[in-house]
Amino acid sequence: MYSLDSDFNDLIDKIRDPDALNPARSDPVFYFVYDPKLMLDLKRHLPRWTSRIREAGFEVRRVSLADILWEMVDKSGRWDVWLELESGADANQINEAVRDVLRQANNLIDRVAEVVESTPDGTVVLLTEAELLHPYFRTRTIESRLHDKVKTPTVIFYPGERSGQYGLRFLGFYPVDGNYRSTLHGGL
């Protein structure tokens, strides 16, 4: 039977020794892939897993992608206008307006990169709430921006399905994207 805890225990081993099975010595970015149906279970496990990472000798920095997304929306100053227009707009118009704010000058991606890159050594970064990037971004966009800039282990909690060694299906309904270069963990 599938176990989130078992997959996470394996991930902690990888975090302790990220180069053990990585001949390319790529960035220490890991995707923790889980079935989107287990989203609430995963959130319940996070406090315990945070403690386990600390027991392994690391500090933990949890970064909510939802918080960063809302920070960008709030800074845009458009929220009140959107609420006024919401009743007369269709979902595509609303999503396009939000997408515009998040992609303007790469606001969201640059903010995530800033947080990850400023993390002190000896700290594991946990990027949570990736599901809220739908329909604006895929996590691979974040991974691409972080390439060659990550010095501390970074775990992206990825709601979706694995497809082979490098392929993922975001939220289980997007087409398979086989261009992930980081280590995929779990989800099998």
Protein backbone atom coordinates (compact mmCIF):
# COMPACT_ATOMS: atom_id res chain seq x y z
CA MET A 1 0.00 0.00 0.00
CA TYR A 2 1.24 3.50 -0.88
CA SER A 3 2.59 5.59 1.98
CA LEU A 4 3.40 9.30 1.97
CA ASP A 5 5.59 8.72 5.03
CA SER A 6 7.64 6.03 3.32
CA ASP A 7 8.25 8.26 0.30
CA PHE A 8 9.20 11.14 2.57
CA ASN A 9 11.66 8.96 4.53
CA ASP A 10 13.35 8.12 1.22
CA LEU A 11 13.45 11.82 0.37
CA ILE A 12 15.19 12.64 3.66
CA ASP A 13 17.89 10.12 2.75
CA LYS A 14 18.36 11.92 -0.58
CA ILE A 15 18.54 15.29 1.15
CA ARG A 16 21.24 14.01 3.48
CA ASP A 17 23.33 12.82 0.54
CA PRO A 18 22.02 14.46 -2.66
CA ASP A 19 25.00 13.41 -4.79
CA ALA A 20 24.88 9.69 -3.94
CA LEU A 21 22.99 8.75 -7.10
CA ASN A 22 23.48 11.94 -9.07
CA PRO A 23 26.47 11.67 -11.43
CA ALA A 24 25.60 15.03 -13.03
CA ARG A 25 25.71 16.77 -9.62
CA SER A 26 22.76 18.95 -10.56
CA ASP A 27 21.03 21.43 -8.28
CA PRO A 28 19.66 19.97 -5.03
CA VAL A 29 16.06 20.44 -6.16
CA PHE A 30 13.65 17.60 -5.49
CA TYR A 31 10.05 17.08 -6.54
CA PHE A 32 7.97 15.24 -3.98
CA VAL A 33 5.24 13.89 -6.24
CA TYR A 34 1.94 12.89 -4.69
CA ASP A 35 -1.56 12.07 -5.89
CA PRO A 36 -3.65 15.30 -5.83
CA LYS A 37 -6.30 13.35 -3.87
CA LEU A 38 -3.79 13.19 -0.99
CA MET A 39 -3.37 16.97 -0.77
CA LEU A 40 -5.02 17.30 2.65
CA ASP A 41 -3.16 14.28 4.01
CA LEU A 42 0.11 15.82 2.87
CA LYS A 43 -0.69 19.10 4.63
CA ARG A 44 -1.39 17.15 7.84
CA HIS A 45 1.99 15.40 7.52
CA LEU A 46 4.03 18.58 6.98
CA PRO A 47 4.54 19.52 10.66
CA ARG A 48 5.81 16.02 11.47
CA TRP A 49 8.03 15.98 8.37
CA THR A 50 9.45 19.37 9.30
CA SER A 51 10.46 17.89 12.65
CA ARG A 52 12.04 14.90 10.90
CA ILE A 53 14.15 17.22 8.72
CA ARG A 54 15.31 19.07 11.83
CA GLU A 55 16.19 15.74 13.46
CA ALA A 56 18.32 15.05 10.37
CA GLY A 57 20.36 18.18 11.21
CA PHE A 58 18.82 20.83 8.96
CA GLU A 59 16.85 23.98 9.55
CA VAL A 60 13.58 24.27 7.60
CA ARG A 61 12.16 27.16 5.64
CA ARG A 62 8.61 26.55 4.46
CA VAL A 63 7.65 28.77 1.55
CA SER A 64 4.00 28.87 0.60
CA LEU A 65 3.56 29.50 -3.11
CA ALA A 66 0.00 30.56 -2.23
CA ASP A 67 1.33 33.30 0.06
CA ILE A 68 3.69 34.56 -2.64
CA LEU A 69 0.91 34.46 -5.25
CA TRP A 70 -1.41 36.50 -3.00
CA GLU A 71 1.44 38.90 -2.16
CA MET A 72 1.82 39.62 -5.90
CA VAL A 73 -1.93 40.07 -6.37
CA ASP A 74 -2.09 42.39 -3.36
CA LYS A 75 0.87 44.49 -4.57
CA SER A 76 -0.80 44.91 -7.96
CA GLY A 77 -3.53 47.07 -6.41
CA ARG A 78 -6.08 45.44 -8.71
CA TRP A 79 -7.94 43.28 -6.20
CA ASP A 80 -10.79 45.73 -5.50
CA VAL A 81 -11.31 46.36 -9.22
CA TRP A 82 -11.41 42.62 -9.90
CA LEU A 83 -14.02 42.09 -7.20
CA GLU A 84 -16.22 44.77 -8.77
CA LEU A 85 -15.88 43.25 -12.23
CA GLU A 86 -16.10 39.61 -11.16
CA SER A 87 -19.86 39.20 -11.49
CA GLY A 88 -19.79 40.28 -15.15
CA ALA A 89 -16.59 38.50 -16.19
CA ASP A 90 -16.12 34.90 -17.18
CA ALA A 91 -13.51 32.67 -15.55
CA ASN A 92 -11.09 33.01 -18.50
CA GLN A 93 -11.07 36.80 -18.19
CA ILE A 94 -10.40 36.65 -14.47
CA ASN A 95 -7.64 34.08 -14.90
CA GLU A 96 -6.03 36.13 -17.65
CA ALA A 97 -6.01 39.23 -15.42
CA VAL A 98 -4.38 37.32 -12.56
CA ARG A 99 -1.92 35.66 -14.96
CA ASP A 100 -0.96 39.11 -16.24
CA VAL A 101 -0.09 40.30 -12.72
CA LEU A 102 1.92 37.17 -11.92
CA ARG A 103 3.85 37.14 -15.18
CA GLN A 104 4.45 40.88 -15.39
CA ALA A 105 8.24 41.24 -15.23
CA ASN A 106 8.33 37.62 -13.93
CA ASN A 107 7.04 38.85 -10.55
CA LEU A 108 6.05 35.50 -9.10
CA ILE A 109 9.01 33.52 -10.41
CA ASP A 110 11.53 36.15 -9.36
CA ARG A 111 10.00 36.39 -5.87
CA VAL A 112 10.21 32.61 -5.38
CA ALA A 113 13.81 32.64 -6.63
CA GLU A 114 14.67 35.50 -4.27
CA VAL A 115 13.33 33.57 -1.28
CA VAL A 116 15.08 30.32 -2.22
CA GLU A 117 18.39 31.97 -3.12
CA SER A 118 18.48 33.91 0.16
CA THR A 119 18.11 30.79 2.29
CA PRO A 120 21.15 30.14 4.50
CA ASP A 121 23.25 27.00 4.16
CA GLY A 122 22.10 24.07 6.25
CA THR A 123 18.45 24.83 5.56
CA VAL A 124 15.96 22.78 3.54
CA VAL A 125 13.40 24.84 1.61
CA LEU A 126 9.91 23.34 1.34
CA LEU A 127 7.86 24.89 -1.49
CA THR A 128 4.22 24.12 -0.72
CA GLU A 129 0.83 24.83 -2.29
CA ALA A 130 2.02 24.33 -5.88
CA GLU A 131 -1.58 23.46 -6.79
CA LEU A 132 -2.47 27.15 -6.63
CA LEU A 133 -0.18 27.86 -9.57
CA HIS A 134 -2.92 26.35 -11.77
CA PRO A 135 -3.79 27.72 -14.33
CA TYR A 136 -1.05 30.37 -14.31
CA PHE A 137 2.25 28.45 -14.21
CA ARG A 138 3.81 25.02 -14.02
CA THR A 139 6.44 24.35 -11.40
CA ARG A 140 9.00 23.70 -14.14
CA THR A 141 9.04 27.46 -14.73
CA ILE A 142 10.29 27.92 -11.16
CA GLU A 143 12.80 25.11 -11.55
CA SER A 144 14.19 26.70 -14.73
CA ARG A 145 14.63 30.06 -13.00
CA LEU A 146 16.45 28.41 -10.09
CA HIS A 147 18.83 26.42 -12.28
CA ASP A 148 22.43 26.78 -11.10
CA LYS A 149 21.39 29.14 -8.29
CA VAL A 150 20.22 26.75 -5.60
CA LYS A 151 22.73 26.05 -2.85
CA THR A 152 20.43 24.42 -0.31
CA PRO A 153 18.13 21.41 -0.75
CA THR A 154 14.77 22.58 -2.11
CA VAL A 155 11.70 20.35 -2.14
CA ILE A 156 8.77 21.22 -4.39
CA PHE A 157 5.62 19.42 -3.23
CA TYR A 158 4.08 18.48 -6.57
CA PRO A 159 0.43 17.39 -6.87
CA GLY A 160 0.35 15.17 -9.92
CA GLU A 161 1.55 11.98 -11.53
CA ARG A 162 4.94 10.71 -12.61
CA SER A 163 5.59 9.53 -16.13
CA GLY A 164 8.97 7.87 -16.44
CA GLN A 165 12.16 9.30 -14.96
CA TYR A 166 11.64 12.98 -15.90
CA GLY A 167 7.96 13.35 -16.83
CA LEU A 168 5.18 14.81 -14.72
CA ARG A 169 1.47 15.51 -15.18
CA PHE A 170 0.55 18.56 -13.11
CA LEU A 171 -2.59 17.90 -11.05
CA GLY A 172 -3.02 14.64 -12.94
CA PHE A 173 -4.92 16.20 -15.83
CA TYR A 174 -2.38 18.28 -17.75
CA PRO A 175 -0.45 16.56 -20.54
CA VAL A 176 2.81 14.89 -19.54
CA ASP A 177 5.74 17.30 -19.49
CA GLY A 178 9.00 15.35 -19.81
CA ASN A 179 11.36 18.30 -19.36
CA TYR A 180 11.92 18.26 -15.61
CA ARG A 181 15.62 18.03 -14.78
CA SER A 182 15.45 17.70 -11.01
CA THR A 183 15.12 14.51 -9.01
CA LEU A 184 11.55 13.20 -8.91
CA HIS A 185 10.61 11.43 -5.73
CA GLY A 186 7.46 9.58 -4.71
CA GLY A 187 4.28 9.29 -6.64
CA LEU A 188 4.69 5.65 -7.62
